[in-house]
C-alpha cells in the first residue's frame, strides 16, 4: 500500500498527552479520511510497527491503524478503527512486553486485559464490531490508550522491567528461549 509517510512524534510532544477528538460525522466516506487512514497504515508499515494512532502523527483524532502478524489463521490484516470503544471481557490482566514508535528503543512489561470487545467505524462509516484476545487485544488497548493521552509507560506497574531493545533482545528474549 502506498501513501505518504507521516512524521511520528516522540514522547514529550504535547499531542501524545491530549485526549483526541472524535472524527466528525461529515468526514466518513471522504478522501480526507481515506487519505489519513492510508497514510497511517503506510507509516506504520514503514516504521515496522504493529499499530499507529493519529495522535502519534500529531493528528488529534480518535482513530488508529493496526495489524497482527501471524500465520494465516491468526493474522489480522492492516485495519483502521475510527471512534473506537474498547471494553474488557473479564477482569484478568496479563503482563506482556510492549514498545512504541513514539518511545523508540525501549520495551517494558505492561498489564493488559486478555480479551476485549470493540465497536468502531470504518472509513466509509460502516460499523465494526469485534472481539480480540491475546496479542490482538494488547495491540488494540495500546493504540486506544493513545487516543486518551496515555502511553504504555503509564500502565507499567514496575519500571524495573524497562529495557533498551538490544539488551531486551539479548537478556530477556534469549532467556525466554532457553
N, C-alpha and C. Protein backbone atom coordinates (compact mmCIF):
# COMPACT_ATOMS: atom_id res chain seq x y z
N UNK A 1 0.86 -1.18 0.00
CA UNK A 1 0.00 0.00 0.00
C UNK A 1 0.90 1.23 0.00
N UNK A 2 0.68 2.10 -0.95
CA UNK A 2 1.47 3.33 -0.98
C UNK A 2 0.71 4.42 -0.25
N UNK A 3 1.44 5.42 0.13
CA UNK A 3 0.87 6.55 0.85
C UNK A 3 1.97 7.51 1.18
N UNK A 4 1.64 8.50 1.94
CA UNK A 4 2.63 9.47 2.39
C UNK A 4 3.11 9.05 3.77
N UNK A 5 4.44 9.03 3.94
CA UNK A 5 4.99 8.70 5.25
C UNK A 5 4.87 9.94 6.13
N UNK A 6 4.19 9.76 7.25
CA UNK A 6 3.98 10.85 8.20
C UNK A 6 5.08 10.84 9.26
N UNK A 7 5.29 11.98 9.89
CA UNK A 7 6.29 12.07 10.95
C UNK A 7 5.69 11.59 12.26
N UNK A 8 6.29 10.58 12.85
CA UNK A 8 5.85 10.06 14.14
C UNK A 8 6.48 10.92 15.23
N UNK A 9 5.61 11.51 16.09
CA UNK A 9 6.12 12.35 17.17
C UNK A 9 6.56 11.47 18.33
N UNK A 10 7.47 12.02 19.12
CA UNK A 10 8.04 11.27 20.24
C UNK A 10 7.51 11.79 21.56
N UNK A 11 7.69 10.95 22.59
CA UNK A 11 7.29 11.31 23.94
C UNK A 11 7.87 12.68 24.29
N UNK A 12 7.03 13.54 24.80
CA UNK A 12 7.39 14.92 25.06
C UNK A 12 6.59 15.87 24.18
N UNK A 13 6.19 15.38 23.01
CA UNK A 13 5.33 16.19 22.13
C UNK A 13 3.95 16.26 22.77
N UNK A 14 3.36 17.44 22.88
CA UNK A 14 2.07 17.57 23.57
C UNK A 14 0.93 16.76 22.94
N UNK A 15 1.01 16.43 21.66
CA UNK A 15 -0.06 15.66 21.01
C UNK A 15 -0.24 14.30 21.66
N UNK A 16 0.82 13.74 22.25
CA UNK A 16 0.74 12.41 22.86
C UNK A 16 0.03 12.42 24.21
N UNK A 17 -0.18 13.60 24.79
CA UNK A 17 -0.79 13.68 26.11
C UNK A 17 -2.18 14.31 26.11
N UNK A 18 -2.69 14.60 24.93
CA UNK A 18 -4.04 15.16 24.81
C UNK A 18 -5.06 14.07 24.53
N UNK A 19 -6.28 14.31 25.00
CA UNK A 19 -7.39 13.42 24.63
C UNK A 19 -7.83 13.83 23.23
N UNK A 20 -7.86 12.86 22.33
CA UNK A 20 -8.20 13.14 20.93
C UNK A 20 -9.71 13.35 20.78
N UNK A 21 -10.06 14.10 19.75
CA UNK A 21 -11.46 14.41 19.43
C UNK A 21 -12.05 13.34 18.51
N UNK A 22 -13.34 13.06 18.63
CA UNK A 22 -13.96 12.12 17.69
C UNK A 22 -13.83 12.62 16.25
N UNK A 23 -13.70 11.67 15.34
CA UNK A 23 -13.70 12.01 13.91
C UNK A 23 -15.10 12.53 13.59
N UNK A 24 -15.19 13.71 12.98
CA UNK A 24 -16.51 14.29 12.68
C UNK A 24 -17.31 13.43 11.70
N UNK A 25 -18.60 13.42 11.90
CA UNK A 25 -19.51 12.63 11.06
C UNK A 25 -19.33 12.93 9.57
N UNK A 26 -19.13 14.20 9.25
CA UNK A 26 -19.03 14.58 7.83
C UNK A 26 -17.74 14.10 7.16
N UNK A 27 -16.79 13.58 7.93
CA UNK A 27 -15.55 13.06 7.35
C UNK A 27 -15.72 11.66 6.77
N UNK A 28 -16.70 10.88 7.27
CA UNK A 28 -16.83 9.50 6.83
C UNK A 28 -17.13 9.44 5.34
N UNK A 29 -16.42 8.54 4.66
CA UNK A 29 -16.61 8.38 3.22
C UNK A 29 -15.91 9.43 2.38
N UNK A 30 -15.08 10.28 3.01
CA UNK A 30 -14.39 11.33 2.26
C UNK A 30 -12.96 10.93 1.94
N UNK A 31 -12.40 11.59 0.96
CA UNK A 31 -10.99 11.40 0.61
C UNK A 31 -10.08 11.83 1.75
N UNK A 32 -10.49 12.86 2.47
CA UNK A 32 -9.68 13.35 3.59
C UNK A 32 -9.43 12.23 4.61
N UNK A 33 -10.49 11.53 5.00
CA UNK A 33 -10.35 10.45 5.97
C UNK A 33 -9.65 9.25 5.35
N UNK A 34 -9.99 8.92 4.12
CA UNK A 34 -9.34 7.79 3.43
C UNK A 34 -7.84 8.02 3.30
N UNK A 35 -7.43 9.25 2.98
CA UNK A 35 -6.01 9.57 2.86
C UNK A 35 -5.29 9.45 4.19
N UNK A 36 -5.91 9.95 5.26
CA UNK A 36 -5.29 9.84 6.59
C UNK A 36 -5.15 8.38 6.97
N UNK A 37 -6.18 7.59 6.74
CA UNK A 37 -6.14 6.16 7.06
C UNK A 37 -5.03 5.46 6.26
N UNK A 38 -4.97 5.73 4.98
CA UNK A 38 -3.94 5.13 4.12
C UNK A 38 -2.54 5.52 4.61
N UNK A 39 -2.37 6.80 4.95
CA UNK A 39 -1.06 7.28 5.40
C UNK A 39 -0.67 6.69 6.76
N UNK A 40 -1.65 6.48 7.64
CA UNK A 40 -1.35 5.84 8.93
C UNK A 40 -0.86 4.41 8.70
N UNK A 41 -1.55 3.66 7.84
CA UNK A 41 -1.13 2.29 7.55
C UNK A 41 0.25 2.28 6.90
N UNK A 42 0.46 3.16 5.95
CA UNK A 42 1.76 3.22 5.26
C UNK A 42 2.88 3.54 6.25
N UNK A 43 2.66 4.52 7.09
CA UNK A 43 3.68 4.93 8.07
C UNK A 43 3.95 3.81 9.06
N UNK A 44 2.89 3.18 9.56
CA UNK A 44 3.04 2.06 10.49
C UNK A 44 3.90 0.96 9.87
N UNK A 45 3.62 0.64 8.62
CA UNK A 45 4.36 -0.41 7.93
C UNK A 45 5.81 -0.01 7.71
N UNK A 46 6.03 1.20 7.25
CA UNK A 46 7.40 1.68 7.01
C UNK A 46 8.22 1.73 8.30
N UNK A 47 7.57 2.04 9.41
CA UNK A 47 8.25 2.12 10.70
C UNK A 47 8.36 0.75 11.39
N UNK A 48 7.82 -0.28 10.73
CA UNK A 48 7.85 -1.65 11.24
C UNK A 48 7.13 -1.78 12.58
N UNK A 49 6.00 -1.07 12.70
CA UNK A 49 5.18 -1.17 13.90
C UNK A 49 3.97 -2.05 13.65
N UNK A 50 3.26 -2.37 14.73
CA UNK A 50 2.02 -3.13 14.62
C UNK A 50 0.81 -2.25 14.91
N UNK A 51 1.05 -0.98 15.20
CA UNK A 51 -0.04 -0.05 15.44
C UNK A 51 0.46 1.38 15.35
N UNK A 52 -0.46 2.28 15.00
CA UNK A 52 -0.13 3.70 14.96
C UNK A 52 -1.43 4.49 15.10
N UNK A 53 -1.48 5.32 16.13
CA UNK A 53 -2.67 6.14 16.38
C UNK A 53 -2.46 7.54 15.80
N UNK A 54 -3.56 8.16 15.41
CA UNK A 54 -3.49 9.50 14.83
C UNK A 54 -2.74 10.50 15.72
N UNK A 55 -2.92 10.49 17.06
CA UNK A 55 -2.14 11.42 17.88
C UNK A 55 -0.62 11.23 17.75
N UNK A 56 -0.18 10.05 17.35
CA UNK A 56 1.25 9.81 17.18
C UNK A 56 1.82 10.50 15.95
N UNK A 57 0.95 10.99 15.08
CA UNK A 57 1.39 11.78 13.94
C UNK A 57 0.83 13.21 14.07
N UNK A 58 0.55 13.58 15.32
CA UNK A 58 0.08 14.93 15.69
C UNK A 58 -1.28 15.28 15.09
N UNK A 59 -2.10 14.26 14.84
CA UNK A 59 -3.49 14.46 14.41
C UNK A 59 -4.38 14.14 15.61
N UNK A 60 -5.05 15.14 16.18
CA UNK A 60 -5.80 14.93 17.43
C UNK A 60 -7.16 14.27 17.22
N UNK A 61 -7.18 13.15 16.53
CA UNK A 61 -8.43 12.47 16.18
C UNK A 61 -8.45 11.04 16.71
N UNK A 62 -9.64 10.53 16.98
CA UNK A 62 -9.82 9.20 17.57
C UNK A 62 -9.86 8.12 16.48
N UNK A 63 -8.70 7.80 15.96
CA UNK A 63 -8.58 6.68 15.03
C UNK A 63 -7.18 6.12 15.10
N UNK A 64 -7.07 4.85 14.77
CA UNK A 64 -5.74 4.23 14.71
C UNK A 64 -5.73 3.10 13.69
N UNK A 65 -4.52 2.81 13.26
CA UNK A 65 -4.24 1.68 12.37
C UNK A 65 -3.55 0.60 13.18
N UNK A 66 -3.79 -0.66 12.82
CA UNK A 66 -3.05 -1.75 13.45
C UNK A 66 -3.11 -2.97 12.54
N UNK A 67 -2.25 -3.92 12.85
CA UNK A 67 -2.30 -5.22 12.21
C UNK A 67 -1.68 -6.21 13.18
N UNK A 68 -1.98 -7.48 13.00
CA UNK A 68 -1.44 -8.52 13.87
C UNK A 68 -0.75 -9.54 12.99
N UNK A 69 0.58 -9.62 13.09
CA UNK A 69 1.29 -10.64 12.31
C UNK A 69 0.98 -12.03 12.86
N UNK A 70 1.09 -13.01 12.01
CA UNK A 70 0.86 -14.39 12.44
C UNK A 70 0.69 -15.29 11.25
N UNK A 71 0.27 -16.51 11.53
CA UNK A 71 0.01 -17.43 10.42
C UNK A 71 -1.33 -17.06 9.79
N UNK A 72 -1.72 -17.79 8.79
CA UNK A 72 -2.93 -17.45 8.04
C UNK A 72 -4.17 -17.34 8.91
N UNK A 73 -4.26 -18.17 9.95
CA UNK A 73 -5.45 -18.17 10.80
C UNK A 73 -5.46 -17.05 11.83
N UNK A 74 -4.27 -16.65 12.30
CA UNK A 74 -4.23 -15.66 13.38
C UNK A 74 -3.87 -14.25 12.91
N UNK A 75 -3.43 -14.11 11.67
CA UNK A 75 -3.05 -12.78 11.18
C UNK A 75 -4.28 -11.90 11.01
N UNK A 76 -4.12 -10.63 11.41
CA UNK A 76 -5.15 -9.63 11.16
C UNK A 76 -4.55 -8.62 10.20
N UNK A 77 -5.17 -8.46 9.05
CA UNK A 77 -4.67 -7.52 8.03
C UNK A 77 -4.72 -6.10 8.57
N UNK A 78 -3.94 -5.19 7.98
CA UNK A 78 -3.99 -3.80 8.43
C UNK A 78 -5.44 -3.29 8.47
N UNK A 79 -5.78 -2.73 9.60
CA UNK A 79 -7.16 -2.32 9.91
C UNK A 79 -7.16 -0.91 10.46
N UNK A 80 -8.20 -0.16 10.16
CA UNK A 80 -8.40 1.18 10.74
C UNK A 80 -9.64 1.11 11.62
N UNK A 81 -9.51 1.57 12.85
CA UNK A 81 -10.65 1.70 13.75
C UNK A 81 -10.86 3.18 14.04
N UNK A 82 -12.08 3.66 13.80
CA UNK A 82 -12.41 5.08 13.97
C UNK A 82 -13.43 5.23 15.09
N UNK A 83 -13.17 6.18 15.96
CA UNK A 83 -14.01 6.44 17.14
C UNK A 83 -14.29 5.14 17.90
N UNK A 84 -13.24 4.37 18.19
CA UNK A 84 -13.45 3.07 18.82
C UNK A 84 -13.85 3.19 20.29
N UNK A 85 -14.63 2.20 20.71
CA UNK A 85 -14.92 1.99 22.13
C UNK A 85 -14.42 0.59 22.44
N UNK A 86 -13.63 0.49 23.51
CA UNK A 86 -13.00 -0.77 23.89
C UNK A 86 -13.45 -1.14 25.30
N UNK A 87 -13.97 -2.35 25.44
CA UNK A 87 -14.48 -2.82 26.73
C UNK A 87 -13.84 -4.15 27.07
N UNK A 88 -13.24 -4.25 28.28
CA UNK A 88 -12.64 -5.52 28.67
C UNK A 88 -13.68 -6.62 28.84
N UNK A 89 -13.26 -7.83 28.53
CA UNK A 89 -14.06 -9.02 28.80
C UNK A 89 -13.38 -9.70 29.99
N UNK A 90 -14.02 -9.70 31.12
CA UNK A 90 -13.41 -10.26 32.32
C UNK A 90 -12.50 -9.25 33.00
N UNK A 91 -11.92 -9.68 34.09
CA UNK A 91 -11.08 -8.77 34.89
C UNK A 91 -9.61 -9.18 34.90
N UNK A 92 -9.32 -10.36 34.37
CA UNK A 92 -7.95 -10.87 34.44
C UNK A 92 -7.01 -10.06 33.54
N UNK A 93 -5.86 -9.71 34.12
CA UNK A 93 -4.81 -9.00 33.38
C UNK A 93 -3.63 -9.93 33.16
N UNK A 94 -2.91 -9.68 32.09
CA UNK A 94 -1.72 -10.46 31.78
C UNK A 94 -0.60 -9.50 31.40
N UNK A 95 0.59 -9.72 31.97
CA UNK A 95 1.75 -8.90 31.61
C UNK A 95 2.26 -9.33 30.25
N UNK A 96 2.66 -8.34 29.46
CA UNK A 96 3.27 -8.61 28.16
C UNK A 96 4.21 -7.48 27.80
N UNK A 97 5.18 -7.79 26.97
CA UNK A 97 6.18 -6.80 26.56
C UNK A 97 5.60 -5.87 25.51
N UNK A 98 5.83 -4.58 25.67
CA UNK A 98 5.38 -3.59 24.71
C UNK A 98 6.50 -2.61 24.40
N UNK A 99 6.41 -2.06 23.20
CA UNK A 99 7.24 -0.96 22.77
C UNK A 99 6.33 0.03 22.08
N UNK A 100 6.89 1.12 21.59
CA UNK A 100 6.05 2.15 20.98
C UNK A 100 6.88 2.96 20.00
N UNK A 101 6.30 3.24 18.83
CA UNK A 101 7.00 4.05 17.84
C UNK A 101 7.29 5.46 18.34
N UNK A 102 6.52 5.94 19.32
CA UNK A 102 6.75 7.27 19.89
C UNK A 102 7.72 7.25 21.06
N UNK A 103 8.14 6.05 21.47
CA UNK A 103 9.13 5.89 22.54
C UNK A 103 10.14 4.87 22.02
N UNK A 104 10.89 5.24 20.98
CA UNK A 104 11.74 4.25 20.31
C UNK A 104 12.86 3.73 21.19
N UNK A 105 13.17 2.44 20.97
CA UNK A 105 14.33 1.84 21.60
C UNK A 105 14.10 1.23 22.96
N UNK A 106 12.88 1.30 23.49
CA UNK A 106 12.61 0.76 24.82
C UNK A 106 11.50 -0.28 24.77
N UNK A 107 11.53 -1.19 25.75
CA UNK A 107 10.47 -2.19 25.95
C UNK A 107 10.18 -2.27 27.45
N UNK A 108 8.93 -2.59 27.77
CA UNK A 108 8.56 -2.76 29.18
C UNK A 108 7.38 -3.70 29.31
N UNK A 109 7.25 -4.28 30.49
CA UNK A 109 6.13 -5.17 30.79
C UNK A 109 4.91 -4.35 31.17
N UNK A 110 3.79 -4.64 30.52
CA UNK A 110 2.56 -3.89 30.72
C UNK A 110 1.41 -4.86 30.97
N UNK A 111 0.64 -4.66 32.05
CA UNK A 111 -0.54 -5.50 32.26
C UNK A 111 -1.69 -5.02 31.36
N UNK A 112 -2.34 -5.97 30.70
CA UNK A 112 -3.48 -5.67 29.82
C UNK A 112 -4.53 -6.76 29.98
N UNK A 113 -5.75 -6.42 29.63
CA UNK A 113 -6.82 -7.42 29.59
C UNK A 113 -6.53 -8.40 28.47
N UNK A 114 -6.84 -9.67 28.71
CA UNK A 114 -6.58 -10.71 27.71
C UNK A 114 -7.59 -10.70 26.58
N UNK A 115 -8.77 -10.13 26.85
CA UNK A 115 -9.81 -10.13 25.84
C UNK A 115 -10.59 -8.82 25.93
N UNK A 116 -10.91 -8.24 24.77
CA UNK A 116 -11.69 -7.00 24.71
C UNK A 116 -12.74 -7.09 23.61
N UNK A 117 -13.84 -6.38 23.82
CA UNK A 117 -14.85 -6.19 22.78
C UNK A 117 -14.69 -4.77 22.26
N UNK A 118 -14.78 -4.62 20.95
CA UNK A 118 -14.56 -3.34 20.31
C UNK A 118 -15.73 -3.00 19.40
N UNK A 119 -16.19 -1.77 19.48
CA UNK A 119 -17.09 -1.23 18.47
C UNK A 119 -16.42 0.01 17.91
N UNK A 120 -16.54 0.19 16.62
CA UNK A 120 -15.88 1.32 15.95
C UNK A 120 -16.56 1.51 14.61
N UNK A 121 -15.98 2.39 13.82
CA UNK A 121 -16.47 2.59 12.45
C UNK A 121 -15.30 2.50 11.49
N UNK A 122 -15.64 2.12 10.27
CA UNK A 122 -14.67 2.05 9.19
C UNK A 122 -14.62 3.41 8.49
N UNK A 123 -13.68 3.57 7.57
CA UNK A 123 -13.51 4.82 6.83
C UNK A 123 -14.79 5.24 6.11
N UNK A 124 -15.53 4.27 5.61
CA UNK A 124 -16.77 4.59 4.90
C UNK A 124 -17.95 4.84 5.84
N UNK A 125 -17.71 4.70 7.15
CA UNK A 125 -18.75 4.93 8.14
C UNK A 125 -19.46 3.69 8.60
N UNK A 126 -19.20 2.56 7.96
CA UNK A 126 -19.88 1.32 8.35
C UNK A 126 -19.42 0.88 9.74
N UNK A 127 -20.32 0.21 10.47
CA UNK A 127 -19.98 -0.22 11.83
C UNK A 127 -19.02 -1.40 11.82
N UNK A 128 -18.18 -1.43 12.84
CA UNK A 128 -17.26 -2.55 13.07
C UNK A 128 -17.52 -3.03 14.49
N UNK A 129 -17.61 -4.33 14.64
CA UNK A 129 -17.76 -4.94 15.96
C UNK A 129 -16.89 -6.18 15.98
N UNK A 130 -16.02 -6.29 16.98
CA UNK A 130 -15.13 -7.45 17.04
C UNK A 130 -14.76 -7.76 18.48
N UNK A 131 -14.33 -8.98 18.68
CA UNK A 131 -13.76 -9.40 19.95
C UNK A 131 -12.32 -9.81 19.65
N UNK A 132 -11.41 -9.28 20.45
CA UNK A 132 -9.99 -9.58 20.25
C UNK A 132 -9.41 -10.19 21.52
N UNK A 133 -8.49 -11.12 21.34
CA UNK A 133 -7.84 -11.73 22.50
C UNK A 133 -6.34 -11.79 22.30
N UNK A 134 -5.65 -11.99 23.41
CA UNK A 134 -4.20 -12.15 23.44
C UNK A 134 -3.48 -10.95 22.81
N UNK A 135 -2.54 -11.20 21.89
CA UNK A 135 -1.76 -10.09 21.32
C UNK A 135 -2.65 -9.10 20.57
N UNK A 136 -3.66 -9.59 19.88
CA UNK A 136 -4.60 -8.73 19.17
C UNK A 136 -5.24 -7.74 20.15
N UNK A 137 -5.68 -8.23 21.30
CA UNK A 137 -6.28 -7.36 22.32
C UNK A 137 -5.26 -6.38 22.88
N UNK A 138 -4.03 -6.82 23.07
CA UNK A 138 -2.97 -5.94 23.59
C UNK A 138 -2.72 -4.78 22.64
N UNK A 139 -2.61 -5.07 21.35
CA UNK A 139 -2.35 -4.01 20.37
C UNK A 139 -3.49 -2.99 20.38
N UNK A 140 -4.72 -3.47 20.38
CA UNK A 140 -5.87 -2.56 20.38
C UNK A 140 -5.86 -1.68 21.64
N UNK A 141 -5.60 -2.27 22.80
CA UNK A 141 -5.58 -1.49 24.04
C UNK A 141 -4.46 -0.45 24.03
N UNK A 142 -3.31 -0.84 23.53
CA UNK A 142 -2.16 0.09 23.44
C UNK A 142 -2.52 1.29 22.57
N UNK A 143 -3.05 1.01 21.38
CA UNK A 143 -3.39 2.11 20.46
C UNK A 143 -4.56 2.94 20.99
N UNK A 144 -5.54 2.30 21.59
CA UNK A 144 -6.68 3.04 22.16
C UNK A 144 -6.20 3.99 23.26
N UNK A 145 -5.23 3.56 24.05
CA UNK A 145 -4.66 4.44 25.08
C UNK A 145 -4.15 5.74 24.48
N UNK A 146 -3.53 5.67 23.31
CA UNK A 146 -3.01 6.89 22.67
C UNK A 146 -4.12 7.90 22.44
N UNK A 147 -5.34 7.44 22.20
CA UNK A 147 -6.45 8.35 21.95
C UNK A 147 -6.85 9.11 23.21
N UNK A 148 -6.43 8.59 24.38
CA UNK A 148 -6.73 9.23 25.66
C UNK A 148 -5.50 9.88 26.29
N UNK A 149 -4.44 10.04 25.51
CA UNK A 149 -3.23 10.69 26.02
C UNK A 149 -2.40 9.82 26.96
N UNK A 150 -2.55 8.52 26.84
CA UNK A 150 -1.85 7.57 27.70
C UNK A 150 -0.81 6.81 26.88
N UNK A 151 0.40 6.64 27.43
CA UNK A 151 1.43 5.82 26.79
C UNK A 151 1.68 4.60 27.67
N UNK A 152 2.28 3.57 27.10
CA UNK A 152 2.44 2.31 27.83
C UNK A 152 3.22 2.46 29.12
N UNK A 153 4.13 3.43 29.18
CA UNK A 153 4.89 3.66 30.42
C UNK A 153 3.95 3.96 31.58
N UNK A 154 2.84 4.65 31.30
CA UNK A 154 1.86 4.99 32.34
C UNK A 154 1.19 3.74 32.90
N UNK A 155 1.13 2.67 32.14
CA UNK A 155 0.45 1.43 32.55
C UNK A 155 1.38 0.44 33.24
N UNK A 156 2.68 0.67 33.15
CA UNK A 156 3.63 -0.26 33.76
C UNK A 156 3.48 -0.23 35.28
N UNK A 157 3.50 -1.41 35.89
CA UNK A 157 3.40 -1.47 37.35
C UNK A 157 4.78 -1.54 38.01
N UNK A 158 5.80 -1.88 37.24
CA UNK A 158 7.16 -1.95 37.76
C UNK A 158 8.13 -1.44 36.70
N UNK A 159 8.72 -0.31 36.95
CA UNK A 159 9.67 0.26 35.99
C UNK A 159 10.95 -0.59 35.88
N UNK A 160 11.13 -1.54 36.78
CA UNK A 160 12.31 -2.42 36.74
C UNK A 160 12.39 -3.21 35.44
N UNK A 161 11.28 -3.44 34.79
CA UNK A 161 11.30 -4.23 33.56
C UNK A 161 11.71 -3.40 32.34
N UNK A 162 11.72 -2.07 32.47
CA UNK A 162 12.04 -1.21 31.33
C UNK A 162 13.46 -1.50 30.85
N UNK A 163 13.60 -1.72 29.54
CA UNK A 163 14.90 -2.09 28.99
C UNK A 163 15.07 -1.51 27.60
N UNK A 164 16.31 -1.21 27.25
CA UNK A 164 16.62 -0.85 25.87
C UNK A 164 16.49 -2.11 25.02
N UNK A 165 16.03 -1.95 23.78
CA UNK A 165 15.73 -3.10 22.93
C UNK A 165 16.91 -4.06 22.73
N UNK A 166 18.14 -3.58 22.46
CA UNK A 166 19.23 -4.55 22.27
C UNK A 166 19.47 -5.42 23.52
N UNK A 167 19.39 -4.80 24.70
CA UNK A 167 19.57 -5.56 25.94
C UNK A 167 18.38 -6.48 26.19
N UNK A 168 17.18 -6.00 25.87
CA UNK A 168 15.98 -6.81 26.00
C UNK A 168 16.09 -8.05 25.13
N UNK A 169 16.52 -7.87 23.87
CA UNK A 169 16.68 -9.00 22.96
C UNK A 169 17.74 -9.97 23.48
N UNK A 170 18.84 -9.43 23.98
CA UNK A 170 19.97 -10.26 24.41
C UNK A 170 19.68 -11.01 25.71
N UNK A 171 19.11 -10.31 26.70
CA UNK A 171 18.98 -10.90 28.02
C UNK A 171 17.57 -11.46 28.33
N UNK A 172 16.54 -10.82 27.79
CA UNK A 172 15.18 -11.29 28.11
C UNK A 172 14.71 -12.31 27.09
N UNK A 173 14.76 -11.96 25.81
CA UNK A 173 14.29 -12.88 24.79
C UNK A 173 15.13 -14.16 24.76
N UNK A 174 16.44 -14.01 24.88
CA UNK A 174 17.29 -15.21 24.85
C UNK A 174 17.04 -16.09 26.09
N UNK A 175 16.75 -15.47 27.23
CA UNK A 175 16.44 -16.25 28.44
C UNK A 175 15.10 -16.95 28.28
N UNK A 176 14.13 -16.30 27.65
CA UNK A 176 12.82 -16.93 27.41
C UNK A 176 12.95 -18.10 26.44
N UNK A 177 13.89 -18.03 25.51
CA UNK A 177 14.05 -19.09 24.52
C UNK A 177 14.70 -20.34 25.13
N UNK A 178 15.44 -20.16 26.21
CA UNK A 178 16.13 -21.29 26.85
C UNK A 178 15.22 -22.23 27.57
